[in-house]
C-alpha atoms as a PDB file:
ATOM      1  CA  UNK A   1       0.041   0.220   0.264  1.00  0.00           C
ATOM      2  CA  UNK A   2       0.769   3.829  -0.731  1.00  0.00           C
ATOM      3  CA  UNK A   3      -0.187   6.947   1.080  1.00  0.00           C
ATOM      4  CA  UNK A   4      -1.002   9.784  -0.687  1.00  0.00           C
ATOM      5  CA  UNK A   5       1.454  11.904   1.019  1.00  0.00           C
ATOM      6  CA  UNK A   6      -0.622  15.622   0.041  1.00  0.00           C
ATOM      7  CA  UNK A   7      -1.430  17.052   3.897  1.00  0.00           C
ATOM      8  CA  UNK A   8      -4.804  17.616   2.714  1.00  0.00           C
ATOM      9  CA  UNK A   9      -5.177  13.871   1.695  1.00  0.00           C
ATOM     10  CA  UNK A  10      -3.705  11.507   3.287  1.00  0.00           C
ATOM     11  CA  UNK A  11      -5.252   8.257   1.872  1.00  0.00           C
ATOM     12  CA  UNK A  12      -4.228   4.623   1.541  1.00  0.00           C
ATOM     13  CA  UNK A  13      -4.316   2.975  -1.949  1.00  0.00           C
ATOM     14  CA  UNK A  14      -3.885  -0.732  -2.791  1.00  0.00           C
ATOM     15  CA  UNK A  15      -1.268  -1.305  -6.047  1.00  0.00           C
ATOM     16  CA  UNK A  16      -3.812  -2.940  -7.379  1.00  0.00           C
ATOM     17  CA  UNK A  17      -5.658  -2.550 -10.811  1.00  0.00           C
ATOM     18  CA  UNK A  18      -9.438  -4.132  -9.992  1.00  0.00           C
ATOM     19  CA  UNK A  19     -11.195  -2.575 -12.911  1.00  0.00           C
ATOM     20  CA  UNK A  20      -9.770   0.638 -13.659  1.00  0.00           C
ATOM     21  CA  UNK A  21      -6.776   0.865 -16.122  1.00  0.00           C
ATOM     22  CA  UNK A  22      -4.383   1.537 -13.962  1.00  0.00           C
ATOM     23  CA  UNK A  23      -3.351   0.607 -10.170  1.00  0.00           C
ATOM     24  CA  UNK A  24      -6.368   2.687  -7.502  1.00  0.00           C
ATOM     25  CA  UNK A  25      -2.595   4.450  -6.755  1.00  0.00           C
ATOM     26  CA  UNK A  26      -1.395   5.861  -9.763  1.00  0.00           C
ATOM     27  CA  UNK A  27      -5.277   6.542 -10.765  1.00  0.00           C
ATOM     28  CA  UNK A  28      -5.218   8.614  -7.890  1.00  0.00           C
ATOM     29  CA  UNK A  29      -2.525  10.325  -8.284  1.00  0.00           C
ATOM     30  CA  UNK A  30      -3.105  11.478 -11.938  1.00  0.00           C
ATOM     31  CA  UNK A  31      -6.752  12.522 -10.840  1.00  0.00           C
ATOM     32  CA  UNK A  32      -6.282  14.300  -8.066  1.00  0.00           C
ATOM     33  CA  UNK A  33      -3.091  15.809  -9.826  1.00  0.00           C
ATOM     34  CA  UNK A  34      -0.937  14.877  -6.478  1.00  0.00           C
ATOM     35  CA  UNK A  35       2.657  13.317  -6.648  1.00  0.00           C
ATOM     36  CA  UNK A  36       3.537  12.343  -3.222  1.00  0.00           C
ATOM     37  CA  UNK A  37       3.262   8.857  -1.577  1.00  0.00           C
ATOM     38  CA  UNK A  38       5.014   6.984   1.271  1.00  0.00           C
ATOM     39  CA  UNK A  39       4.998   3.380   1.588  1.00  0.00           C
ATOM     40  CA  UNK A  40       3.794   1.659   4.051  1.00  0.00           C
ATOM     41  CA  UNK A  41       5.352  -0.018   7.214  1.00  0.00           C
ATOM     42  CA  UNK A  42       5.158  -3.502   6.043  1.00  0.00           C
ATOM     43  CA  UNK A  43       6.400  -2.884   2.572  1.00  0.00           C
ATOM     44  CA  UNK A  44      10.094  -4.129   1.929  1.00  0.00           C
ATOM     45  CA  UNK A  45      11.648  -0.263   2.475  1.00  0.00           C
ATOM     46  CA  UNK A  46       9.643   0.080   5.213  1.00  0.00           C
ATOM     47  CA  UNK A  47       7.383   3.048   5.890  1.00  0.00           C
ATOM     48  CA  UNK A  48       9.406   5.843   4.143  1.00  0.00           C
ATOM     49  CA  UNK A  49       8.455   8.899   2.258  1.00  0.00           C
ATOM     50  CA  UNK A  50       9.914   8.312  -1.756  1.00  0.00           C
ATOM     51  CA  UNK A  51      11.917  10.604  -2.810  1.00  0.00           C
ATOM     52  CA  UNK A  52      15.284  11.492  -4.913  1.00  0.00           C
ATOM     53  CA  UNK A  53      18.778  10.739  -2.917  1.00  0.00           C
ATOM     54  CA  UNK A  54      20.978  13.157  -5.182  1.00  0.00           C
ATOM     55  CA  UNK A  55      18.483  15.802  -5.266  1.00  0.00           C
ATOM     56  CA  UNK A  56      15.519  15.523  -2.735  1.00  0.00           C
ATOM     57  CA  UNK A  57      12.423  15.269  -5.267  1.00  0.00           C
ATOM     58  CA  UNK A  58       9.276  13.580  -4.103  1.00  0.00           C
ATOM     59  CA  UNK A  59       7.368  13.386  -7.473  1.00  0.00           C
ATOM     60  CA  UNK A  60       6.997   9.754  -8.122  1.00  0.00           C
ATOM     61  CA  UNK A  61       6.370  10.390 -11.508  1.00  0.00           C
ATOM     62  CA  UNK A  62       9.546  11.247 -12.263  1.00  0.00           C
ATOM     63  CA  UNK A  63      11.471   8.988  -9.939  1.00  0.00           C
ATOM     64  CA  UNK A  64      13.241   5.749 -11.182  1.00  0.00           C
ATOM     65  CA  UNK A  65      16.023   3.390  -9.296  1.00  0.00           C
ATOM     66  CA  UNK A  66      19.645   2.541 -10.996  1.00  0.00           C
ATOM     67  CA  UNK A  67      21.774  -0.205  -9.546  1.00  0.00           C
ATOM     68  CA  UNK A  68      25.139   0.378  -7.804  1.00  0.00           C
ATOM     69  CA  UNK A  69      27.925  -0.960  -9.882  1.00  0.00           C
ATOM     70  CA  UNK A  70      29.823  -3.410  -7.531  1.00  0.00           C
ATOM     71  CA  UNK A  71      27.070  -3.500  -4.623  1.00  0.00           C
ATOM     72  CA  UNK A  72      23.270  -4.809  -4.242  1.00  0.00           C
ATOM     73  CA  UNK A  73      22.148  -1.397  -3.318  1.00  0.00           C
ATOM     74  CA  UNK A  74      19.248   0.637  -5.701  1.00  0.00           C
ATOM     75  CA  UNK A  75      19.017   4.026  -5.234  1.00  0.00           C
ATOM     76  CA  UNK A  76      16.027   6.700  -6.155  1.00  0.00           C
ATOM     77  CA  UNK A  77      16.808   9.516  -8.378  1.00  0.00           C
ATOM     78  CA  UNK A  78      15.015  11.887 -10.465  1.00  0.00           C
ATOM     79  CA  UNK A  79      14.238  11.997 -14.257  1.00  0.00           C
ATOM     80  CA  UNK A  80      15.550  15.600 -14.185  1.00  0.00           C
ATOM     81  CA  UNK A  81      18.066  16.979 -13.260  1.00  0.00           C
ATOM     82  CA  UNK A  82      19.744  14.260 -11.654  1.00  0.00           C
ATOM     83  CA  UNK A  83      20.175  12.585 -15.077  1.00  0.00           C
ATOM     84  CA  UNK A  84      21.395  14.677 -16.744  1.00  0.00           C
ATOM     85  CA  UNK A  85      23.675  16.352 -14.683  1.00  0.00           C
ATOM     86  CA  UNK A  86      27.544  15.315 -15.215  1.00  0.00           C
ATOM     87  CA  UNK A  87      28.719  14.863 -11.467  1.00  0.00           C
ATOM     88  CA  UNK A  88      26.635  11.754 -11.153  1.00  0.00           C
ATOM     89  CA  UNK A  89      28.725   9.958 -13.574  1.00  0.00           C
ATOM     90  CA  UNK A  90      31.622   9.952 -10.627  1.00  0.00           C
ATOM     91  CA  UNK A  91      29.471   7.679  -8.674  1.00  0.00           C
ATOM     92  CA  UNK A  92      29.229   4.082  -8.588  1.00  0.00           C
ATOM     93  CA  UNK A  93      25.898   3.857 -10.070  1.00  0.00           C
ATOM     94  CA  UNK A  94      24.981   2.450 -13.482  1.00  0.00           C
ATOM     95  CA  UNK A  95      22.951   5.431 -14.606  1.00  0.00           C
ATOM     96  CA  UNK A  96      22.374   3.492 -17.882  1.00  0.00           C
ATOM     97  CA  UNK A  97      20.177   1.672 -16.261  1.00  0.00           C
ATOM     98  CA  UNK A  98      17.876   4.014 -14.761  1.00  0.00           C
ATOM     99  CA  UNK A  99      14.406   2.288 -14.583  1.00  0.00           C
ATOM    100  CA  UNK A 100      11.109   4.335 -13.353  1.00  0.00           C
ATOM    101  CA  UNK A 101       8.977   3.574 -10.132  1.00  0.00           C
ATOM    102  CA  UNK A 102       5.824   3.402 -12.223  1.00  0.00           C
ATOM    103  CA  UNK A 103       5.348   1.020 -15.193  1.00  0.00           C
ATOM    104  CA  UNK A 104       1.737   0.410 -16.873  1.00  0.00           C
ATOM    105  CA  UNK A 105      -0.090   2.389 -14.314  1.00  0.00           C
ATOM    106  CA  UNK A 106       1.329   0.341 -11.638  1.00  0.00           C
ATOM    107  CA  UNK A 107       4.068   0.487  -8.870  1.00  0.00           C
ATOM    108  CA  UNK A 108       6.755  -1.815  -9.313  1.00  0.00           C
ATOM    109  CA  UNK A 109       6.119  -5.226  -7.293  1.00  0.00           C
ATOM    110  CA  UNK A 110       9.599  -4.889  -5.686  1.00  0.00           C
ATOM    111  CA  UNK A 111       8.669  -1.078  -4.279  1.00  0.00           C
ATOM    112  CA  UNK A 112       4.866  -1.973  -3.787  1.00  0.00           C
ATOM    113  CA  UNK A 113       3.347  -5.152  -3.559  1.00  0.00           C
ATOM    114  CA  UNK A 114       0.041  -6.174  -5.299  1.00  0.00           C
ATOM    115  CA  UNK A 115      -2.309  -7.007  -2.476  1.00  0.00           C
ATOM    116  CA  UNK A 116      -3.708 -10.721  -2.511  1.00  0.00           C
ATOM    117  CA  UNK A 117      -7.864 -11.218  -3.469  1.00  0.00           C
ATOM    118  CA  UNK A 118      -8.648 -11.725   0.166  1.00  0.00           C
ATOM    119  CA  UNK A 119      -6.781  -7.989   1.322  1.00  0.00           C
ATOM    120  CA  UNK A 120      -8.425  -6.925  -1.795  1.00  0.00           C
ATOM    121  CA  UNK A 121     -11.760  -7.990  -0.947  1.00  0.00           C
ATOM    122  CA  UNK A 122     -11.574  -6.353   2.545  1.00  0.00           C
ATOM    123  CA  UNK A 123     -10.906  -3.045   0.481  1.00  0.00           C
ATOM    124  CA  UNK A 124     -13.828  -0.255  -0.415  1.00  0.00           C
ATOM    125  CA  UNK A 125     -14.076  -0.504  -3.952  1.00  0.00           C
ATOM    126  CA  UNK A 126     -13.431   3.083  -6.460  1.00  0.00           C
ATOM    127  CA  UNK A 127     -13.985   3.079  -9.832  1.00  0.00           C
ATOM    128  CA  UNK A 128     -11.911   5.332 -12.688  1.00  0.00           C
ATOM    129  CA  UNK A 129     -14.950   7.695 -13.115  1.00  0.00           C
END
């Protein structure tokens, strides 16, 4: 689950599609024009606000990840300006392998798991309208 991190909203959403073209979380963010999220405490990264390691950008539509070349570590970086800044090329990251956190209108499954059918049945259903 992810929480919309806009102060006036703060709603929780699953990373599942249901009857919509994208996940409930991404669908909400697009329609509400919100861009910041916080992960659930039980997520692989724990309760944390997604933000660029280098620049501090919290717009999830600009965020992606790269792996360190020698360690099994991933770093969240924003598309602009971080990928185009030459200073980052000296870091131990493979910038050519940058991938967005949102793919096919859903957060990547390693970041935000897709809930089980039982969990989805307990949730309030929403539609895209």
